[in-house]
Full PDB file with SEQRES, HELIX, SHEET, SSBOND, CRYST1, ORIGX, SCALE, CONECT and MASTER records, all heavy atoms in Angstrom:
SEQRES   1 A   35  MET GLU LYS LEU ASN GLY TYR PHE ASN GLY ASP ASN TYR          
SEQRES   2 A   35  ILE GLN HIS ASN PRO GLN ILE GLY ASN GLY LEU SER GLY          
SEQRES   3 A   35  LEU GLY ALA ALA LEU GLU ALA MET ALA                          
HELIX    1 AA1 LEU A    4  TYR A    7  5                                   4    
HELIX    2 AA2 GLY A   23  MET A   34  1                                  12    
CRYST1    1.000    1.000    1.000  90.00  90.00  90.00 P 1           1          
ORIGX1      1.000000  0.000000  0.000000        0.00000                         
ORIGX2      0.000000  1.000000  0.000000        0.00000                         
ORIGX3      0.000000  0.000000  1.000000        0.00000                         
SCALE1      1.000000  0.000000  0.000000        0.00000                         
SCALE2      0.000000  1.000000  0.000000        0.00000                         
SCALE3      0.000000  0.000000  1.000000        0.00000                         
ATOM      1  N   MET A   1      22.628 -11.119  -0.091  1.00  0.00           N  
ATOM      2  CA  MET A   1      21.895 -10.133  -0.887  1.00  0.00           C  
ATOM      3  C   MET A   1      22.446  -9.975  -2.302  1.00  0.00           C  
ATOM      4  O   MET A   1      21.722  -9.541  -3.196  1.00  0.00           O  
ATOM      5  CB  MET A   1      21.866  -8.790  -0.164  1.00  0.00           C  
ATOM      6  CG  MET A   1      21.162  -8.852   1.197  1.00  0.00           C  
ATOM      7  SD  MET A   1      19.508  -9.580   1.146  1.00  0.00           S  
ATOM      8  CE  MET A   1      18.601  -8.219   0.442  1.00  0.00           C  
ATOM      9  N   GLU A   2      23.687 -10.332  -2.528  1.00  0.00           N  
ATOM     10  CA  GLU A   2      24.252 -10.229  -3.876  1.00  0.00           C  
ATOM     11  C   GLU A   2      23.557 -11.169  -4.852  1.00  0.00           C  
ATOM     12  O   GLU A   2      23.641 -10.993  -6.066  1.00  0.00           O  
ATOM     13  CB  GLU A   2      25.773 -10.499  -3.851  1.00  0.00           C  
ATOM     14  CG  GLU A   2      26.177 -11.941  -3.604  1.00  0.00           C  
ATOM     15  CD  GLU A   2      26.192 -12.367  -2.128  1.00  0.00           C  
ATOM     16  OE1 GLU A   2      25.824 -11.559  -1.245  1.00  0.00           O  
ATOM     17  OE2 GLU A   2      26.554 -13.535  -1.865  1.00  0.00           O  
ATOM     18  N   LYS A   3      22.818 -12.164  -4.356  1.00  0.00           N  
ATOM     19  CA  LYS A   3      22.095 -13.111  -5.202  1.00  0.00           C  
ATOM     20  C   LYS A   3      20.646 -12.683  -5.466  1.00  0.00           C  
ATOM     21  O   LYS A   3      19.947 -13.323  -6.240  1.00  0.00           O  
ATOM     22  CB  LYS A   3      22.094 -14.498  -4.560  1.00  0.00           C  
ATOM     23  CG  LYS A   3      23.461 -15.140  -4.487  1.00  0.00           C  
ATOM     24  CD  LYS A   3      23.351 -16.553  -3.964  1.00  0.00           C  
ATOM     25  CE  LYS A   3      24.665 -17.283  -4.100  1.00  0.00           C  
ATOM     26  NZ  LYS A   3      24.494 -18.722  -3.866  1.00  0.00           N  
ATOM     27  N   LEU A   4      20.195 -11.622  -4.826  1.00  0.00           N  
ATOM     28  CA  LEU A   4      18.792 -11.219  -4.875  1.00  0.00           C  
ATOM     29  C   LEU A   4      18.263 -11.044  -6.295  1.00  0.00           C  
ATOM     30  O   LEU A   4      17.223 -11.594  -6.653  1.00  0.00           O  
ATOM     31  CB  LEU A   4      18.592  -9.925  -4.074  1.00  0.00           C  
ATOM     32  CG  LEU A   4      17.163  -9.429  -3.950  1.00  0.00           C  
ATOM     33  CD1 LEU A   4      16.320 -10.420  -3.145  1.00  0.00           C  
ATOM     34  CD2 LEU A   4      17.139  -8.062  -3.284  1.00  0.00           C  
ATOM     35  N   ASN A   5      18.954 -10.303  -7.129  1.00  0.00           N  
ATOM     36  CA  ASN A   5      18.458  -9.999  -8.478  1.00  0.00           C  
ATOM     37  C   ASN A   5      18.235 -11.248  -9.324  1.00  0.00           C  
ATOM     38  O   ASN A   5      17.349 -11.262 -10.180  1.00  0.00           O  
ATOM     39  CB  ASN A   5      19.403  -9.045  -9.200  1.00  0.00           C  
ATOM     40  CG  ASN A   5      19.336  -7.645  -8.635  1.00  0.00           C  
ATOM     41  OD1 ASN A   5      18.309  -7.234  -8.098  1.00  0.00           O  
ATOM     42  ND2 ASN A   5      20.436  -6.912  -8.727  1.00  0.00           N  
ATOM     43  N   GLY A   6      18.988 -12.314  -9.083  1.00  0.00           N  
ATOM     44  CA  GLY A   6      18.852 -13.534  -9.860  1.00  0.00           C  
ATOM     45  C   GLY A   6      17.533 -14.259  -9.667  1.00  0.00           C  
ATOM     46  O   GLY A   6      17.152 -15.096 -10.484  1.00  0.00           O  
ATOM     47  N   TYR A   7      16.815 -13.942  -8.617  1.00  0.00           N  
ATOM     48  CA  TYR A   7      15.543 -14.603  -8.333  1.00  0.00           C  
ATOM     49  C   TYR A   7      14.331 -13.881  -8.933  1.00  0.00           C  
ATOM     50  O   TYR A   7      13.221 -14.378  -8.847  1.00  0.00           O  
ATOM     51  CB  TYR A   7      15.344 -14.746  -6.820  1.00  0.00           C  
ATOM     52  CG  TYR A   7      16.267 -15.762  -6.214  1.00  0.00           C  
ATOM     53  CD1 TYR A   7      17.391 -15.369  -5.492  1.00  0.00           C  
ATOM     54  CD2 TYR A   7      16.029 -17.128  -6.374  1.00  0.00           C  
ATOM     55  CE1 TYR A   7      18.240 -16.312  -4.938  1.00  0.00           C  
ATOM     56  CE2 TYR A   7      16.875 -18.071  -5.818  1.00  0.00           C  
ATOM     57  CZ  TYR A   7      17.984 -17.656  -5.108  1.00  0.00           C  
ATOM     58  OH  TYR A   7      18.822 -18.601  -4.564  1.00  0.00           O  
ATOM     59  N   PHE A   8      14.546 -12.712  -9.521  1.00  0.00           N  
ATOM     60  CA  PHE A   8      13.442 -11.892 -10.018  1.00  0.00           C  
ATOM     61  C   PHE A   8      13.681 -11.461 -11.449  1.00  0.00           C  
ATOM     62  O   PHE A   8      14.813 -11.373 -11.902  1.00  0.00           O  
ATOM     63  CB  PHE A   8      13.269 -10.648  -9.127  1.00  0.00           C  
ATOM     64  CG  PHE A   8      12.951 -10.990  -7.704  1.00  0.00           C  
ATOM     65  CD1 PHE A   8      13.961 -11.159  -6.771  1.00  0.00           C  
ATOM     66  CD2 PHE A   8      11.647 -11.177  -7.301  1.00  0.00           C  
ATOM     67  CE1 PHE A   8      13.679 -11.498  -5.456  1.00  0.00           C  
ATOM     68  CE2 PHE A   8      11.342 -11.521  -5.986  1.00  0.00           C  
ATOM     69  CZ  PHE A   8      12.373 -11.679  -5.064  1.00  0.00           C  
ATOM     70  N   ASN A   9      12.590 -11.147 -12.138  1.00  0.00           N  
ATOM     71  CA  ASN A   9      12.641 -10.627 -13.499  1.00  0.00           C  
ATOM     72  C   ASN A   9      12.679  -9.102 -13.403  1.00  0.00           C  
ATOM     73  O   ASN A   9      11.652  -8.435 -13.491  1.00  0.00           O  
ATOM     74  CB  ASN A   9      11.423 -11.109 -14.293  1.00  0.00           C  
ATOM     75  CG  ASN A   9      11.419 -10.592 -15.709  1.00  0.00           C  
ATOM     76  OD1 ASN A   9      12.420 -10.054 -16.186  1.00  0.00           O  
ATOM     77  ND2 ASN A   9      10.299 -10.731 -16.382  1.00  0.00           N  
ATOM     78  N   GLY A  10      13.861  -8.571 -13.151  1.00  0.00           N  
ATOM     79  CA  GLY A  10      14.009  -7.124 -12.987  1.00  0.00           C  
ATOM     80  C   GLY A  10      13.213  -6.638 -11.788  1.00  0.00           C  
ATOM     81  O   GLY A  10      13.220  -7.261 -10.733  1.00  0.00           O  
ATOM     82  N   ASP A  11      12.499  -5.548 -11.969  1.00  0.00           N  
ATOM     83  CA  ASP A  11      11.700  -4.972 -10.883  1.00  0.00           C  
ATOM     84  C   ASP A  11      10.246  -5.452 -10.970  1.00  0.00           C  
ATOM     85  O   ASP A  11       9.376  -4.903 -10.326  1.00  0.00           O  
ATOM     86  CB  ASP A  11      11.780  -3.436 -10.935  1.00  0.00           C  
ATOM     87  CG  ASP A  11      11.532  -2.790  -9.575  1.00  0.00           C  
ATOM     88  OD1 ASP A  11      11.963  -3.372  -8.555  1.00  0.00           O  
ATOM     89  OD2 ASP A  11      10.906  -1.719  -9.532  1.00  0.00           O  
ATOM     90  N   ASN A  12       9.996  -6.480 -11.783  1.00  0.00           N  
ATOM     91  CA  ASN A  12       8.653  -7.030 -11.968  1.00  0.00           C  
ATOM     92  C   ASN A  12       8.348  -8.027 -10.855  1.00  0.00           C  
ATOM     93  O   ASN A  12       8.627  -9.217 -10.974  1.00  0.00           O  
ATOM     94  CB  ASN A  12       8.521  -7.720 -13.330  1.00  0.00           C  
ATOM     95  CG  ASN A  12       8.771  -6.757 -14.459  1.00  0.00           C  
ATOM     96  OD1 ASN A  12       8.261  -5.646 -14.453  1.00  0.00           O  
ATOM     97  ND2 ASN A  12       9.580  -7.160 -15.419  1.00  0.00           N  
ATOM     98  N   TYR A  13       7.786  -7.527  -9.784  1.00  0.00           N  
ATOM     99  CA  TYR A  13       7.524  -8.343  -8.604  1.00  0.00           C  
ATOM    100  C   TYR A  13       6.353  -7.709  -7.866  1.00  0.00           C  
ATOM    101  O   TYR A  13       6.397  -6.529  -7.525  1.00  0.00           O  
ATOM    102  CB  TYR A  13       8.788  -8.369  -7.739  1.00  0.00           C  
ATOM    103  CG  TYR A  13       8.642  -8.888  -6.342  1.00  0.00           C  
ATOM    104  CD1 TYR A  13       8.246 -10.191  -6.088  1.00  0.00           C  
ATOM    105  CD2 TYR A  13       8.936  -8.069  -5.254  1.00  0.00           C  
ATOM    106  CE1 TYR A  13       8.133 -10.662  -4.790  1.00  0.00           C  
ATOM    107  CE2 TYR A  13       8.842  -8.541  -3.949  1.00  0.00           C  
ATOM    108  CZ  TYR A  13       8.440  -9.838  -3.731  1.00  0.00           C  
ATOM    109  OH  TYR A  13       8.346 -10.306  -2.450  1.00  0.00           O  
ATOM    110  N   ILE A  14       5.301  -8.488  -7.658  1.00  0.00           N  
ATOM    111  CA  ILE A  14       4.107  -7.981  -6.973  1.00  0.00           C  
ATOM    112  C   ILE A  14       4.156  -8.433  -5.523  1.00  0.00           C  
ATOM    113  O   ILE A  14       4.238  -9.628  -5.238  1.00  0.00           O  
ATOM    114  CB  ILE A  14       2.813  -8.476  -7.651  1.00  0.00           C  
ATOM    115  CG1 ILE A  14       2.774  -7.984  -9.101  1.00  0.00           C  
ATOM    116  CG2 ILE A  14       1.590  -7.999  -6.878  1.00  0.00           C  
ATOM    117  CD1 ILE A  14       1.684  -8.619  -9.936  1.00  0.00           C  
ATOM    118  N   GLN A  15       4.109  -7.476  -4.630  1.00  0.00           N  
ATOM    119  CA  GLN A  15       4.177  -7.730  -3.191  1.00  0.00           C  
ATOM    120  C   GLN A  15       2.792  -7.478  -2.605  1.00  0.00           C  
ATOM    121  O   GLN A  15       2.282  -6.370  -2.708  1.00  0.00           O  
ATOM    122  CB  GLN A  15       5.212  -6.788  -2.565  1.00  0.00           C  
ATOM    123  CG  GLN A  15       5.277  -6.799  -1.066  1.00  0.00           C  
ATOM    124  CD  GLN A  15       5.578  -8.152  -0.487  1.00  0.00           C  
ATOM    125  OE1 GLN A  15       4.664  -8.834  -0.026  1.00  0.00           O  
ATOM    126  NE2 GLN A  15       6.823  -8.567  -0.498  1.00  0.00           N  
ATOM    127  N   HIS A  16       2.188  -8.497  -2.025  1.00  0.00           N  
ATOM    128  CA  HIS A  16       0.836  -8.364  -1.491  1.00  0.00           C  
ATOM    129  C   HIS A  16       0.802  -7.949  -0.022  1.00  0.00           C  
ATOM    130  O   HIS A  16      -0.268  -7.772   0.537  1.00  0.00           O  
ATOM    131  CB  HIS A  16       0.049  -9.662  -1.707  1.00  0.00           C  
ATOM    132  CG  HIS A  16      -0.220  -9.931  -3.152  1.00  0.00           C  
ATOM    133  ND1 HIS A  16      -1.269  -9.361  -3.832  1.00  0.00           N  
ATOM    134  CD2 HIS A  16       0.458 -10.678  -4.055  1.00  0.00           C  
ATOM    135  CE1 HIS A  16      -1.250  -9.764  -5.091  1.00  0.00           C  
ATOM    136  NE2 HIS A  16      -0.211 -10.563  -5.252  1.00  0.00           N  
ATOM    137  N   ASN A  17       1.956  -7.798   0.603  1.00  0.00           N  
ATOM    138  CA  ASN A  17       2.000  -7.265   1.962  1.00  0.00           C  
ATOM    139  C   ASN A  17       1.766  -5.757   1.853  1.00  0.00           C  
ATOM    140  O   ASN A  17       2.541  -5.057   1.200  1.00  0.00           O  
ATOM    141  CB  ASN A  17       3.363  -7.561   2.596  1.00  0.00           C  
ATOM    142  CG  ASN A  17       3.464  -7.078   4.020  1.00  0.00           C  
ATOM    143  OD1 ASN A  17       2.929  -6.041   4.382  1.00  0.00           O  
ATOM    144  ND2 ASN A  17       4.182  -7.830   4.831  1.00  0.00           N  
ATOM    145  N   PRO A  18       0.704  -5.234   2.456  1.00  0.00           N  
ATOM    146  CA  PRO A  18       0.371  -3.814   2.277  1.00  0.00           C  
ATOM    147  C   PRO A  18       1.405  -2.854   2.861  1.00  0.00           C  
ATOM    148  O   PRO A  18       1.375  -1.669   2.558  1.00  0.00           O  
ATOM    149  CB  PRO A  18      -0.979  -3.666   2.998  1.00  0.00           C  
ATOM    150  CG  PRO A  18      -1.081  -4.834   3.912  1.00  0.00           C  
ATOM    151  CD  PRO A  18      -0.254  -5.930   3.312  1.00  0.00           C  
ATOM    152  N   GLN A  19       2.342  -3.349   3.645  1.00  0.00           N  
ATOM    153  CA  GLN A  19       3.368  -2.484   4.221  1.00  0.00           C  
ATOM    154  C   GLN A  19       4.640  -2.428   3.378  1.00  0.00           C  
ATOM    155  O   GLN A  19       5.588  -1.730   3.736  1.00  0.00           O  
ATOM    156  CB  GLN A  19       3.702  -2.957   5.640  1.00  0.00           C  
ATOM    157  CG  GLN A  19       2.508  -2.870   6.560  1.00  0.00           C  
ATOM    158  CD  GLN A  19       2.807  -3.414   7.945  1.00  0.00           C  
ATOM    159  OE1 GLN A  19       3.946  -3.652   8.316  1.00  0.00           O  
ATOM    160  NE2 GLN A  19       1.763  -3.610   8.719  1.00  0.00           N  
ATOM    161  N   ILE A  20       4.642  -3.147   2.259  1.00  0.00           N  
ATOM    162  CA  ILE A  20       5.821  -3.196   1.390  1.00  0.00           C  
ATOM    163  C   ILE A  20       5.372  -2.900  -0.039  1.00  0.00           C  
ATOM    164  O   ILE A  20       4.404  -3.478  -0.527  1.00  0.00           O  
ATOM    165  CB  ILE A  20       6.509  -4.579   1.460  1.00  0.00           C  
ATOM    166  CG1 ILE A  20       6.942  -4.881   2.894  1.00  0.00           C  
ATOM    167  CG2 ILE A  20       7.702  -4.637   0.516  1.00  0.00           C  
ATOM    168  CD1 ILE A  20       7.517  -6.274   3.087  1.00  0.00           C  
ATOM    169  N   GLY A  21       6.093  -2.028  -0.717  1.00  0.00           N  
ATOM    170  CA  GLY A  21       5.756  -1.682  -2.093  1.00  0.00           C  
ATOM    171  C   GLY A  21       6.123  -2.780  -3.069  1.00  0.00           C  
ATOM    172  O   GLY A  21       6.911  -3.682  -2.761  1.00  0.00           O  
ATOM    173  N   ASN A  22       5.564  -2.704  -4.273  1.00  0.00           N  
ATOM    174  CA  ASN A  22       5.868  -3.661  -5.325  1.00  0.00           C  
ATOM    175  C   ASN A  22       7.301  -3.494  -5.822  1.00  0.00           C  
ATOM    176  O   ASN A  22       7.910  -2.440  -5.669  1.00  0.00           O  
ATOM    177  CB  ASN A  22       4.906  -3.493  -6.502  1.00  0.00           C  
ATOM    178  CG  ASN A  22       3.536  -4.021  -6.204  1.00  0.00           C  
ATOM    179  OD1 ASN A  22       3.358  -4.941  -5.422  1.00  0.00           O  
ATOM    180  ND2 ASN A  22       2.536  -3.438  -6.841  1.00  0.00           N  
ATOM    181  N   GLY A  23       7.806  -4.534  -6.452  1.00  0.00           N  
ATOM    182  CA  GLY A  23       9.133  -4.508  -7.052  1.00  0.00           C  
ATOM    183  C   GLY A  23      10.227  -4.665  -6.023  1.00  0.00           C  
ATOM    184  O   GLY A  23      10.020  -4.518  -4.819  1.00  0.00           O  
ATOM    185  N   LEU A  24      11.415  -4.978  -6.526  1.00  0.00           N  
ATOM    186  CA  LEU A  24      12.561  -5.076  -5.626  1.00  0.00           C  
ATOM    187  C   LEU A  24      12.855  -3.729  -4.989  1.00  0.00           C  
ATOM    188  O   LEU A  24      13.338  -3.659  -3.862  1.00  0.00           O  
ATOM    189  CB  LEU A  24      13.789  -5.575  -6.385  1.00  0.00           C  
ATOM    190  CG  LEU A  24      13.755  -7.040  -6.801  1.00  0.00           C  
ATOM    191  CD1 LEU A  24      15.046  -7.436  -7.496  1.00  0.00           C  
ATOM    192  CD2 LEU A  24      13.509  -7.929  -5.611  1.00  0.00           C  
ATOM    193  N   SER A  25      12.530  -2.663  -5.701  1.00  0.00           N  
ATOM    194  CA  SER A  25      12.734  -1.328  -5.135  1.00  0.00           C  
ATOM    195  C   SER A  25      11.855  -1.130  -3.906  1.00  0.00           C  
ATOM    196  O   SER A  25      12.288  -0.551  -2.907  1.00  0.00           O  
ATOM    197  CB  SER A  25      12.449  -0.255  -6.182  1.00  0.00           C  
ATOM    198  OG  SER A  25      11.139  -0.414  -6.711  1.00  0.00           O  
ATOM    199  N   GLY A  26      10.616  -1.622  -3.942  1.00  0.00           N  
ATOM    200  CA  GLY A  26       9.715  -1.523  -2.790  1.00  0.00           C  
ATOM    201  C   GLY A  26      10.199  -2.358  -1.629  1.00  0.00           C  
ATOM    202  O   GLY A  26      10.158  -1.927  -0.471  1.00  0.00           O  
ATOM    203  N   LEU A  27      10.687  -3.552  -1.938  1.00  0.00           N  
ATOM    204  CA  LEU A  27      11.232  -4.431  -0.899  1.00  0.00           C  
ATOM    205  C   LEU A  27      12.456  -3.789  -0.259  1.00  0.00           C  
ATOM    206  O   LEU A  27      12.582  -3.746   0.962  1.00  0.00           O  
ATOM    207  CB  LEU A  27      11.586  -5.795  -1.497  1.00  0.00           C  
ATOM    208  CG  LEU A  27      12.193  -6.821  -0.553  1.00  0.00           C  
ATOM    209  CD1 LEU A  27      11.258  -7.147   0.593  1.00  0.00           C  
ATOM    210  CD2 LEU A  27      12.570  -8.079  -1.333  1.00  0.00           C  
ATOM    211  N   GLY A  28      13.348  -3.257  -1.087  1.00  0.00           N  
ATOM    212  CA  GLY A  28      14.548  -2.601  -0.570  1.00  0.00           C  
ATOM    213  C   GLY A  28      14.213  -1.413   0.317  1.00  0.00           C  
ATOM    214  O   GLY A  28      14.810  -1.224   1.375  1.00  0.00           O  
ATOM    215  N   ALA A  29      13.229  -0.604  -0.096  1.00  0.00           N  
ATOM    216  CA  ALA A  29      12.825   0.569   0.691  1.00  0.00           C  
ATOM    217  C   ALA A  29      12.256   0.141   2.043  1.00  0.00           C  
ATOM    218  O   ALA A  29      12.544   0.764   3.069  1.00  0.00           O  
ATOM    219  CB  ALA A  29      11.803   1.394  -0.086  1.00  0.00           C  
ATOM    220  N   ALA A  30      11.466  -0.930   2.062  1.00  0.00           N  
ATOM    221  CA  ALA A  30      10.878  -1.404   3.315  1.00  0.00           C  
ATOM    222  C   ALA A  30      11.954  -1.917   4.263  1.00  0.00           C  
ATOM    223  O   ALA A  30      11.933  -1.618   5.455  1.00  0.00           O  
ATOM    224  CB  ALA A  30       9.844  -2.492   3.037  1.00  0.00           C  
ATOM    225  N   LEU A  31      12.904  -2.689   3.741  1.00  0.00           N  
ATOM    226  CA  LEU A  31      13.982  -3.215   4.580  1.00  0.00           C  
ATOM    227  C   LEU A  31      14.852  -2.086   5.123  1.00  0.00           C  
ATOM    228  O   LEU A  31      15.273  -2.110   6.276  1.00  0.00           O  
ATOM    229  CB  LEU A  31      14.823  -4.220   3.792  1.00  0.00           C  
ATOM    230  CG  LEU A  31      14.116  -5.516   3.403  1.00  0.00           C  
ATOM    231  CD1 LEU A  31      15.009  -6.368   2.511  1.00  0.00           C  
ATOM    232  CD2 LEU A  31      13.659  -6.292   4.623  1.00  0.00           C  
ATOM    233  N   GLU A  32      15.091  -1.076   4.284  1.00  0.00           N  
ATOM    234  CA  GLU A  32      15.876   0.080   4.720  1.00  0.00           C  
ATOM    235  C   GLU A  32      15.150   0.851   5.829  1.00  0.00           C  
ATOM    236  O   GLU A  32      15.759   1.251   6.826  1.00  0.00           O  
ATOM    237  CB  GLU A  32      16.133   1.001   3.525  1.00  0.00           C  
ATOM    238  CG  GLU A  32      17.024   2.180   3.841  1.00  0.00           C  
ATOM    239  CD  GLU A  32      17.287   3.031   2.609  1.00  0.00           C  
ATOM    240  OE1 GLU A  32      17.563   2.456   1.538  1.00  0.00           O  
ATOM    241  OE2 GLU A  32      17.219   4.266   2.728  1.00  0.00           O  
ATOM    242  N   ALA A  33      13.841   1.036   5.663  1.00  0.00           N  
ATOM    243  CA  ALA A  33      13.054   1.747   6.681  1.00  0.00           C  
ATOM    244  C   ALA A  33      13.053   0.976   8.004  1.00  0.00           C  
ATOM    245  O   ALA A  33      13.176   1.585   9.073  1.00  0.00           O  
ATOM    246  CB  ALA A  33      11.625   1.957   6.185  1.00  0.00           C  
ATOM    247  N   MET A  34      12.923  -0.349   7.935  1.00  0.00           N  
ATOM    248  CA  MET A  34      12.955  -1.160   9.158  1.00  0.00           C  
ATOM    249  C   MET A  34      14.315  -1.038   9.841  1.00  0.00           C  
ATOM    250  O   MET A  34      14.395  -0.894  11.063  1.00  0.00           O  
ATOM    251  CB  MET A  34      12.649  -2.632   8.852  1.00  0.00           C  
ATOM    252  CG  MET A  34      11.198  -2.894   8.559  1.00  0.00           C  
ATOM    253  SD  MET A  34      10.688  -4.641   8.374  1.00  0.00           S  
ATOM    254  CE  MET A  34      12.122  -5.561   8.043  1.00  0.00           C  
ATOM    255  N   ALA A  35      15.379  -1.088   9.049  1.00  0.00           N  
ATOM    256  CA  ALA A  35      16.730  -0.996   9.622  1.00  0.00           C  
ATOM    257  C   ALA A  35      16.928   0.348  10.325  1.00  0.00           C  
ATOM    258  O   ALA A  35      17.526   0.396  11.410  1.00  0.00           O  
ATOM    259  CB  ALA A  35      17.775  -1.187   8.526  1.00  0.00           C  
TER     260      ALA A  35                                                      
MASTER        0    0    0    2    0    0    0    6  259    1    0    3          
END                                                                             
């Protein structure tokens, strides 16, 4: 996970899975909720 930010342009990330929000913040929130 320490490499995650290097794959994205900041929080500019569109997630088309309706159960996960846009941006790395949305991805992080979804993974946290699942955990």
